[in-house]
Amino acid sequence: MEKFLENLEKAEKIVQTTDHMIYVTFPLFKDKRLLLKILLEIKIAVSSCINSILQYEYLYKKISLYKDPKTNFRTFEEECAPRYKISKEDIRLILELFDLVKKHKESPFEFIRNEKIVILSEDLRTRTLTIEKIKRYLILTKDILRKTKQSINSSNLR
């Protein structure tokens, strides 16, 4: 199977799982660590969608790919996103999600305050994570997955 289809399937499975976790499992257990797990999974799903788009576009010789992920993301942002109707606001949210996950991984300390997860950085700056923010990222991921599948399916029908 083509690599871009594998990434698309992976993203779809993650979206289904995280949707269930956020709307069914989390309300039952109220475990904040579950929110962090969901956040990481959503990031993987978005990355899989982006990789699927890049691989599909590369396969049909519309773009070039590089060893540097930042260069590939720039290619995605400038060349692919407009073709897949992924807006500048979507790109901003993707970058915000990636940054939040990075801060979480680098964080020496995280705690819960007033139903929010507070991520503390080395220089004592804080980032907060709420259930609403995670739901927004999940909606973004579902939207990107839908647009990716639509574009790839309509291209294959031609």
N, C-alpha and C. Protein backbone atom coordinates (compact mmCIF):
# COMPACT_ATOMS: atom_id res chain seq x y z
N MET A 1 0.84 -1.18 0.00
CA MET A 1 0.00 0.00 0.00
C MET A 1 0.89 1.25 0.00
N GLU A 2 0.39 2.27 -0.66
CA GLU A 2 1.14 3.53 -0.73
C GLU A 2 1.32 4.10 0.68
N LYS A 3 2.47 4.73 0.89
CA LYS A 3 2.80 5.32 2.20
C LYS A 3 1.79 6.39 2.60
N PHE A 4 1.33 7.20 1.63
CA PHE A 4 0.39 8.26 1.97
C PHE A 4 -0.94 7.68 2.47
N LEU A 5 -1.35 6.52 1.95
CA LEU A 5 -2.58 5.89 2.42
C LEU A 5 -2.41 5.32 3.82
N GLU A 6 -1.22 4.77 4.11
CA GLU A 6 -0.93 4.27 5.46
C GLU A 6 -1.02 5.40 6.47
N ASN A 7 -0.45 6.55 6.15
CA ASN A 7 -0.51 7.70 7.05
C ASN A 7 -1.94 8.18 7.25
N LEU A 8 -2.72 8.14 6.19
CA LEU A 8 -4.12 8.55 6.27
C LEU A 8 -4.91 7.61 7.18
N GLU A 9 -4.69 6.31 7.03
CA GLU A 9 -5.36 5.33 7.88
C GLU A 9 -4.94 5.49 9.35
N LYS A 10 -3.65 5.72 9.55
CA LYS A 10 -3.13 5.92 10.91
C LYS A 10 -3.81 7.13 11.55
N ALA A 11 -3.90 8.23 10.82
CA ALA A 11 -4.54 9.44 11.33
C ALA A 11 -6.01 9.18 11.65
N GLU A 12 -6.68 8.45 10.78
CA GLU A 12 -8.10 8.17 10.99
C GLU A 12 -8.33 7.34 12.26
N LYS A 13 -7.49 6.33 12.48
CA LYS A 13 -7.62 5.51 13.70
C LYS A 13 -7.37 6.34 14.95
N ILE A 14 -6.35 7.19 14.90
CA ILE A 14 -6.03 8.03 16.05
C ILE A 14 -7.18 9.00 16.35
N VAL A 15 -7.75 9.59 15.30
CA VAL A 15 -8.86 10.52 15.48
C VAL A 15 -10.05 9.81 16.14
N GLN A 16 -10.36 8.62 15.68
CA GLN A 16 -11.47 7.86 16.28
C GLN A 16 -11.19 7.57 17.76
N THR A 17 -9.97 7.15 18.06
CA THR A 17 -9.59 6.82 19.43
C THR A 17 -9.62 8.06 20.33
N THR A 18 -9.00 9.15 19.87
CA THR A 18 -8.94 10.35 20.70
C THR A 18 -10.32 10.96 20.89
N ASP A 19 -11.17 10.88 19.87
CA ASP A 19 -12.54 11.37 19.99
C ASP A 19 -13.25 10.62 21.12
N HIS A 20 -13.10 9.31 21.14
CA HIS A 20 -13.72 8.50 22.19
C HIS A 20 -13.12 8.85 23.56
N MET A 21 -11.80 9.01 23.60
CA MET A 21 -11.13 9.32 24.87
C MET A 21 -11.60 10.66 25.44
N ILE A 22 -11.76 11.64 24.58
CA ILE A 22 -12.08 12.99 25.06
C ILE A 22 -13.57 13.14 25.43
N TYR A 23 -14.44 12.44 24.70
CA TYR A 23 -15.87 12.61 24.95
C TYR A 23 -16.50 11.52 25.81
N VAL A 24 -15.82 10.37 25.97
CA VAL A 24 -16.38 9.27 26.77
C VAL A 24 -15.48 8.94 27.96
N THR A 25 -14.22 8.62 27.69
CA THR A 25 -13.32 8.17 28.76
C THR A 25 -12.99 9.29 29.74
N PHE A 26 -12.59 10.45 29.23
CA PHE A 26 -12.20 11.54 30.13
C PHE A 26 -13.32 11.97 31.08
N PRO A 27 -14.57 12.17 30.60
CA PRO A 27 -15.63 12.56 31.54
C PRO A 27 -15.87 11.53 32.65
N LEU A 28 -15.58 10.25 32.37
CA LEU A 28 -15.75 9.21 33.38
C LEU A 28 -14.65 9.25 34.45
N PHE A 29 -13.40 9.39 34.00
CA PHE A 29 -12.26 9.27 34.92
C PHE A 29 -11.68 10.59 35.38
N LYS A 30 -11.88 11.65 34.61
CA LYS A 30 -11.37 12.99 34.97
C LYS A 30 -9.87 12.98 35.31
N ASP A 31 -9.12 12.17 34.60
CA ASP A 31 -7.67 12.10 34.83
C ASP A 31 -6.98 13.08 33.89
N LYS A 32 -6.33 14.07 34.45
CA LYS A 32 -5.68 15.11 33.64
C LYS A 32 -4.53 14.55 32.80
N ARG A 33 -3.90 13.49 33.27
CA ARG A 33 -2.82 12.89 32.48
C ARG A 33 -3.36 12.35 31.16
N LEU A 34 -4.63 11.97 31.18
CA LEU A 34 -5.28 11.51 29.96
C LEU A 34 -5.33 12.64 28.92
N LEU A 35 -5.52 13.87 29.39
CA LEU A 35 -5.53 15.02 28.47
C LEU A 35 -4.19 15.16 27.77
N LEU A 36 -3.11 14.96 28.51
CA LEU A 36 -1.77 15.05 27.89
C LEU A 36 -1.58 13.95 26.86
N LYS A 37 -2.05 12.75 27.17
CA LYS A 37 -1.97 11.63 26.22
C LYS A 37 -2.77 11.94 24.95
N ILE A 38 -3.96 12.50 25.13
CA ILE A 38 -4.81 12.87 23.99
C ILE A 38 -4.11 13.93 23.15
N LEU A 39 -3.50 14.92 23.81
CA LEU A 39 -2.78 15.97 23.09
C LEU A 39 -1.67 15.38 22.22
N LEU A 40 -0.90 14.46 22.78
CA LEU A 40 0.19 13.82 22.02
C LEU A 40 -0.35 13.04 20.83
N GLU A 41 -1.44 12.33 21.04
CA GLU A 41 -2.05 11.55 19.95
C GLU A 41 -2.59 12.45 18.84
N ILE A 42 -3.18 13.57 19.21
CA ILE A 42 -3.69 14.51 18.21
C ILE A 42 -2.54 15.06 17.38
N LYS A 43 -1.43 15.34 18.02
CA LYS A 43 -0.25 15.83 17.29
C LYS A 43 0.22 14.77 16.28
N ILE A 44 0.22 13.51 16.68
CA ILE A 44 0.62 12.42 15.77
C ILE A 44 -0.35 12.35 14.59
N ALA A 45 -1.64 12.51 14.85
CA ALA A 45 -2.65 12.46 13.78
C ALA A 45 -2.45 13.60 12.78
N VAL A 46 -2.21 14.82 13.30
CA VAL A 46 -1.99 15.96 12.41
C VAL A 46 -0.72 15.74 11.59
N SER A 47 0.33 15.26 12.24
CA SER A 47 1.59 14.98 11.53
C SER A 47 1.38 13.93 10.45
N SER A 48 0.58 12.92 10.75
CA SER A 48 0.30 11.87 9.75
C SER A 48 -0.45 12.44 8.55
N CYS A 49 -1.39 13.34 8.80
CA CYS A 49 -2.12 13.98 7.69
C CYS A 49 -1.16 14.81 6.83
N ILE A 50 -0.30 15.59 7.49
CA ILE A 50 0.66 16.42 6.77
C ILE A 50 1.60 15.53 5.96
N ASN A 51 2.09 14.45 6.57
CA ASN A 51 2.98 13.53 5.86
C ASN A 51 2.27 12.88 4.68
N SER A 52 1.01 12.54 4.86
CA SER A 52 0.24 11.94 3.78
C SER A 52 0.13 12.90 2.59
N ILE A 53 -0.17 14.16 2.89
CA ILE A 53 -0.27 15.18 1.84
C ILE A 53 1.07 15.34 1.13
N LEU A 54 2.14 15.47 1.91
CA LEU A 54 3.47 15.65 1.31
C LEU A 54 3.86 14.46 0.44
N GLN A 55 3.61 13.25 0.93
CA GLN A 55 3.96 12.05 0.16
C GLN A 55 3.13 11.93 -1.11
N TYR A 56 1.86 12.27 -1.02
CA TYR A 56 0.97 12.23 -2.18
C TYR A 56 1.42 13.24 -3.23
N GLU A 57 1.69 14.45 -2.78
CA GLU A 57 2.14 15.51 -3.70
C GLU A 57 3.49 15.15 -4.33
N TYR A 58 4.37 14.55 -3.55
CA TYR A 58 5.69 14.13 -4.06
C TYR A 58 5.53 13.00 -5.08
N LEU A 59 4.66 12.06 -4.76
CA LEU A 59 4.42 10.92 -5.65
C LEU A 59 3.98 11.38 -7.04
N TYR A 60 3.15 12.42 -7.07
CA TYR A 60 2.66 12.96 -8.35
C TYR A 60 3.48 14.15 -8.84
N LYS A 61 4.70 14.25 -8.31
CA LYS A 61 5.72 15.20 -8.75
C LYS A 61 5.26 16.66 -8.73
N LYS A 62 4.47 17.00 -7.74
CA LYS A 62 4.02 18.38 -7.59
C LYS A 62 4.96 19.17 -6.68
N ILE A 63 5.69 18.45 -5.82
CA ILE A 63 6.63 19.09 -4.89
C ILE A 63 7.90 18.26 -4.77
N SER A 64 8.91 18.85 -4.15
CA SER A 64 10.13 18.12 -3.79
C SER A 64 10.14 17.97 -2.28
N LEU A 65 10.69 16.86 -1.82
CA LEU A 65 10.84 16.64 -0.37
C LEU A 65 12.31 16.72 0.00
N TYR A 66 12.56 17.06 1.26
CA TYR A 66 13.93 17.25 1.74
C TYR A 66 14.13 16.47 3.03
N LYS A 67 15.38 16.36 3.44
CA LYS A 67 15.69 15.67 4.70
C LYS A 67 15.27 16.51 5.90
N ASP A 68 15.19 17.82 5.73
CA ASP A 68 14.87 18.73 6.82
C ASP A 68 13.36 18.87 7.00
N PRO A 69 12.83 18.47 8.18
CA PRO A 69 11.39 18.56 8.40
C PRO A 69 10.85 19.99 8.35
N LYS A 70 11.65 20.97 8.75
CA LYS A 70 11.19 22.37 8.72
C LYS A 70 10.98 22.84 7.28
N THR A 71 11.88 22.43 6.40
CA THR A 71 11.75 22.78 4.98
C THR A 71 10.51 22.10 4.40
N ASN A 72 10.28 20.85 4.77
CA ASN A 72 9.10 20.13 4.29
C ASN A 72 7.81 20.78 4.82
N PHE A 73 7.84 21.24 6.07
CA PHE A 73 6.65 21.91 6.61
C PHE A 73 6.40 23.21 5.87
N ARG A 74 7.46 23.93 5.54
CA ARG A 74 7.31 25.17 4.77
C ARG A 74 6.71 24.86 3.40
N THR A 75 7.15 23.78 2.77
CA THR A 75 6.58 23.35 1.49
C THR A 75 5.09 23.05 1.66
N PHE A 76 4.77 22.33 2.74
CA PHE A 76 3.36 22.03 3.02
C PHE A 76 2.56 23.32 3.17
N GLU A 77 3.08 24.24 3.97
CA GLU A 77 2.39 25.49 4.28
C GLU A 77 2.19 26.35 3.02
N GLU A 78 3.23 26.48 2.21
CA GLU A 78 3.18 27.39 1.08
C GLU A 78 2.55 26.79 -0.17
N GLU A 79 2.83 25.51 -0.44
CA GLU A 79 2.38 24.92 -1.69
C GLU A 79 1.17 23.99 -1.56
N CYS A 80 1.17 23.18 -0.51
CA CYS A 80 0.12 22.15 -0.39
C CYS A 80 -1.15 22.67 0.30
N ALA A 81 -0.98 23.37 1.40
CA ALA A 81 -2.13 23.82 2.19
C ALA A 81 -3.19 24.54 1.35
N PRO A 82 -2.81 25.49 0.48
CA PRO A 82 -3.85 26.15 -0.33
C PRO A 82 -4.61 25.17 -1.23
N ARG A 83 -3.92 24.17 -1.78
CA ARG A 83 -4.59 23.19 -2.65
C ARG A 83 -5.58 22.33 -1.86
N TYR A 84 -5.30 22.12 -0.58
CA TYR A 84 -6.16 21.29 0.27
C TYR A 84 -7.13 22.13 1.11
N LYS A 85 -7.20 23.42 0.80
CA LYS A 85 -8.09 24.36 1.49
C LYS A 85 -7.84 24.39 3.00
N ILE A 86 -6.56 24.30 3.36
CA ILE A 86 -6.16 24.43 4.76
C ILE A 86 -5.75 25.88 4.95
N SER A 87 -6.48 26.57 5.81
CA SER A 87 -6.34 28.02 5.95
C SER A 87 -5.11 28.42 6.77
N LYS A 88 -4.79 29.70 6.72
CA LYS A 88 -3.70 30.26 7.54
C LYS A 88 -4.00 30.06 9.03
N GLU A 89 -5.27 30.19 9.40
CA GLU A 89 -5.67 29.98 10.79
C GLU A 89 -5.43 28.52 11.20
N ASP A 90 -5.73 27.58 10.29
CA ASP A 90 -5.44 26.16 10.55
C ASP A 90 -3.95 25.95 10.77
N ILE A 91 -3.13 26.57 9.93
CA ILE A 91 -1.66 26.46 10.05
C ILE A 91 -1.22 27.03 11.40
N ARG A 92 -1.81 28.17 11.78
CA ARG A 92 -1.46 28.77 13.07
C ARG A 92 -1.78 27.82 14.22
N LEU A 93 -2.95 27.17 14.15
CA LEU A 93 -3.34 26.21 15.19
C LEU A 93 -2.43 24.98 15.21
N ILE A 94 -2.03 24.52 14.03
CA ILE A 94 -1.11 23.38 13.94
C ILE A 94 0.21 23.73 14.62
N LEU A 95 0.73 24.92 14.31
CA LEU A 95 1.99 25.35 14.91
C LEU A 95 1.85 25.52 16.43
N GLU A 96 0.71 26.01 16.87
CA GLU A 96 0.43 26.16 18.30
C GLU A 96 0.41 24.79 18.98
N LEU A 97 -0.25 23.82 18.34
CA LEU A 97 -0.30 22.45 18.85
C LEU A 97 1.09 21.85 18.96
N PHE A 98 1.88 21.97 17.88
CA PHE A 98 3.24 21.42 17.88
C PHE A 98 4.09 22.06 18.97
N ASP A 99 3.94 23.38 19.15
CA ASP A 99 4.70 24.09 20.18
C ASP A 99 4.29 23.63 21.58
N LEU A 100 3.00 23.44 21.78
CA LEU A 100 2.51 22.99 23.09
C LEU A 100 3.03 21.60 23.43
N VAL A 101 3.04 20.71 22.45
CA VAL A 101 3.57 19.36 22.67
C VAL A 101 5.07 19.42 22.98
N LYS A 102 5.78 20.27 22.25
CA LYS A 102 7.22 20.44 22.49
C LYS A 102 7.46 20.95 23.92
N LYS A 103 6.68 21.96 24.34
CA LYS A 103 6.82 22.51 25.69
C LYS A 103 6.52 21.44 26.74
N HIS A 104 5.51 20.61 26.47
CA HIS A 104 5.16 19.52 27.40
C HIS A 104 6.33 18.54 27.53
N LYS A 105 6.92 18.17 26.42
CA LYS A 105 8.03 17.20 26.45
C LYS A 105 9.26 17.77 27.15
N GLU A 106 9.48 19.07 27.01
CA GLU A 106 10.66 19.70 27.62
C GLU A 106 10.42 20.14 29.06
N SER A 107 9.18 20.14 29.48
CA SER A 107 8.82 20.70 30.78
C SER A 107 9.38 19.88 31.95
N PRO A 108 10.02 20.58 32.90
CA PRO A 108 10.50 19.88 34.08
C PRO A 108 9.37 19.65 35.10
N PHE A 109 8.26 20.41 34.94
CA PHE A 109 7.22 20.33 35.94
C PHE A 109 5.87 20.72 35.36
N GLU A 110 4.85 19.92 35.66
CA GLU A 110 3.48 20.21 35.24
C GLU A 110 2.56 19.97 36.44
N PHE A 111 1.53 20.78 36.54
CA PHE A 111 0.59 20.60 37.65
C PHE A 111 -0.81 21.01 37.21
N ILE A 112 -1.78 20.68 38.07
CA ILE A 112 -3.17 20.97 37.77
C ILE A 112 -3.65 22.09 38.69
N ARG A 113 -4.30 23.08 38.07
CA ARG A 113 -4.87 24.18 38.84
C ARG A 113 -6.18 24.60 38.16
N ASN A 114 -7.26 24.60 38.94
CA ASN A 114 -8.57 25.04 38.44
C ASN A 114 -8.98 24.35 37.14
N GLU A 115 -8.92 23.03 37.11
CA GLU A 115 -9.34 22.26 35.93
C GLU A 115 -8.46 22.49 34.70
N LYS A 116 -7.26 23.02 34.90
CA LYS A 116 -6.33 23.25 33.79
C LYS A 116 -5.00 22.59 34.11
N ILE A 117 -4.33 22.14 33.06
CA ILE A 117 -2.98 21.63 33.23
C ILE A 117 -2.04 22.78 32.95
N VAL A 118 -1.15 23.05 33.87
CA VAL A 118 -0.18 24.13 33.71
C VAL A 118 1.17 23.49 33.41
N ILE A 119 1.75 23.89 32.29
CA ILE A 119 3.05 23.37 31.85
C ILE A 119 4.08 24.46 32.14
N LEU A 120 5.04 24.13 32.94
CA LEU A 120 6.07 25.08 33.35
C LEU A 120 7.33 24.82 32.54
N SER A 121 7.92 25.86 31.97
CA SER A 121 9.15 25.68 31.20
C SER A 121 10.37 25.92 32.08
N GLU A 122 11.54 25.68 31.53
CA GLU A 122 12.80 25.87 32.27
C GLU A 122 12.93 27.29 32.81
N ASP A 123 12.49 28.27 32.02
CA ASP A 123 12.60 29.67 32.45
C ASP A 123 11.36 30.14 33.22
N LEU A 124 10.58 29.18 33.73
CA LEU A 124 9.40 29.40 34.57
C LEU A 124 8.23 30.08 33.86
N ARG A 125 8.22 30.05 32.55
CA ARG A 125 7.05 30.50 31.80
C ARG A 125 6.00 29.40 31.86
N THR A 126 4.74 29.80 31.86
CA THR A 126 3.68 28.80 31.93
C THR A 126 2.85 28.78 30.65
N ARG A 127 2.37 27.60 30.33
CA ARG A 127 1.40 27.38 29.25
C ARG A 127 0.27 26.58 29.88
N THR A 128 -0.95 26.91 29.56
CA THR A 128 -2.07 26.16 30.13
C THR A 128 -2.77 25.34 29.06
N LEU A 129 -3.28 24.23 29.51
CA LEU A 129 -3.98 23.30 28.62
C LEU A 129 -5.34 23.01 29.24
N THR A 130 -6.39 23.26 28.48
CA THR A 130 -7.75 23.01 28.95
C THR A 130 -8.41 21.98 28.06
N ILE A 131 -9.49 21.41 28.56
CA ILE A 131 -10.25 20.45 27.76
C ILE A 131 -10.79 21.13 26.50
N GLU A 132 -11.16 22.39 26.61
CA GLU A 132 -11.69 23.13 25.45
C GLU A 132 -10.63 23.29 24.36
N LYS A 133 -9.40 23.56 24.79
CA LYS A 133 -8.30 23.72 23.83
C LYS A 133 -8.04 22.40 23.11
N ILE A 134 -8.07 21.31 23.85
CA ILE A 134 -7.84 20.00 23.24
C ILE A 134 -8.97 19.67 22.27
N LYS A 135 -10.19 19.99 22.62
CA LYS A 135 -11.32 19.76 21.71
C LYS A 135 -11.15 20.57 20.43
N ARG A 136 -10.64 21.79 20.57
CA ARG A 136 -10.40 22.63 19.39
C ARG A 136 -9.36 21.99 18.47
N TYR A 137 -8.30 21.44 19.08
CA TYR A 137 -7.28 20.76 18.29
C TYR A 137 -7.84 19.50 17.62
N LEU A 138 -8.72 18.79 18.32
CA LEU A 138 -9.33 17.60 17.74
C LEU A 138 -10.21 17.97 16.55
N ILE A 139 -10.99 19.05 16.69
CA ILE A 139 -11.83 19.52 15.57
C ILE A 139 -10.96 19.90 14.38
N LEU A 140 -9.86 20.59 14.65
CA LEU A 140 -8.91 20.94 13.60
C LEU A 140 -8.40 19.68 12.89
N THR A 141 -8.02 18.68 13.67
CA THR A 141 -7.49 17.44 13.11
C THR A 141 -8.52 16.73 12.25
N LYS A 142 -9.76 16.67 12.73
CA LYS A 142 -10.83 16.04 11.94
C LYS A 142 -11.03 16.78 10.61
N ASP A 143 -10.98 18.11 10.67
CA ASP A 143 -11.17 18.93 9.49
C ASP A 143 -10.04 18.70 8.47
N ILE A 144 -8.81 18.67 8.94
CA ILE A 144 -7.67 18.43 8.05
C ILE A 144 -7.74 17.03 7.45
N LEU A 145 -8.11 16.05 8.27
CA LEU A 145 -8.25 14.68 7.77
C LEU A 145 -9.32 14.61 6.68
N ARG A 146 -10.47 15.27 6.93
CA ARG A 146 -11.56 15.28 5.94
C ARG A 146 -11.10 15.93 4.63
N LYS A 147 -10.45 17.09 4.73
CA LYS A 147 -9.98 17.80 3.53
C LYS A 147 -8.94 16.98 2.78
N THR A 148 -8.07 16.32 3.52
CA THR A 148 -7.03 15.48 2.89
C THR A 148 -7.67 14.33 2.13
N LYS A 149 -8.60 13.63 2.78
CA LYS A 149 -9.26 12.50 2.13
C LYS A 149 -10.05 12.95 0.91
N GLN A 150 -10.76 14.08 1.03
CA GLN A 150 -11.54 14.59 -0.11
C GLN A 150 -10.64 14.91 -1.29
N SER A 151 -9.55 15.62 -1.03
CA SER A 151 -8.65 16.02 -2.12
C SER A 151 -8.00 14.82 -2.78
N ILE A 152 -7.54 13.87 -1.98
CA ILE A 152 -6.88 12.70 -2.54
C ILE A 152 -7.87 11.85 -3.30
N ASN A 153 -9.08 11.65 -2.76
CA ASN A 153 -10.10 10.86 -3.44
C ASN A 153 -10.55 11.51 -4.74
N SER A 154 -10.73 12.83 -4.75
CA SER A 154 -11.17 13.50 -5.98
C SER A 154 -10.06 13.50 -7.02
N SER A 155 -8.80 13.55 -6.58
CA SER A 155 -7.67 13.49 -7.53
C SER A 155 -7.56 12.10 -8.14
N ASN A 156 -7.84 11.08 -7.37
CA ASN A 156 -7.75 9.71 -7.87
C ASN A 156 -8.89 9.35 -8.82
N LEU A 157 -9.99 10.10 -8.73
CA LEU A 157 -11.11 9.84 -9.63
C LEU A 157 -10.89 10.41 -11.02
N ARG A 158 -9.97 11.38 -11.12
CA ARG A 158 -9.72 12.02 -12.43
C ARG A 158 -8.92 11.14 -13.34
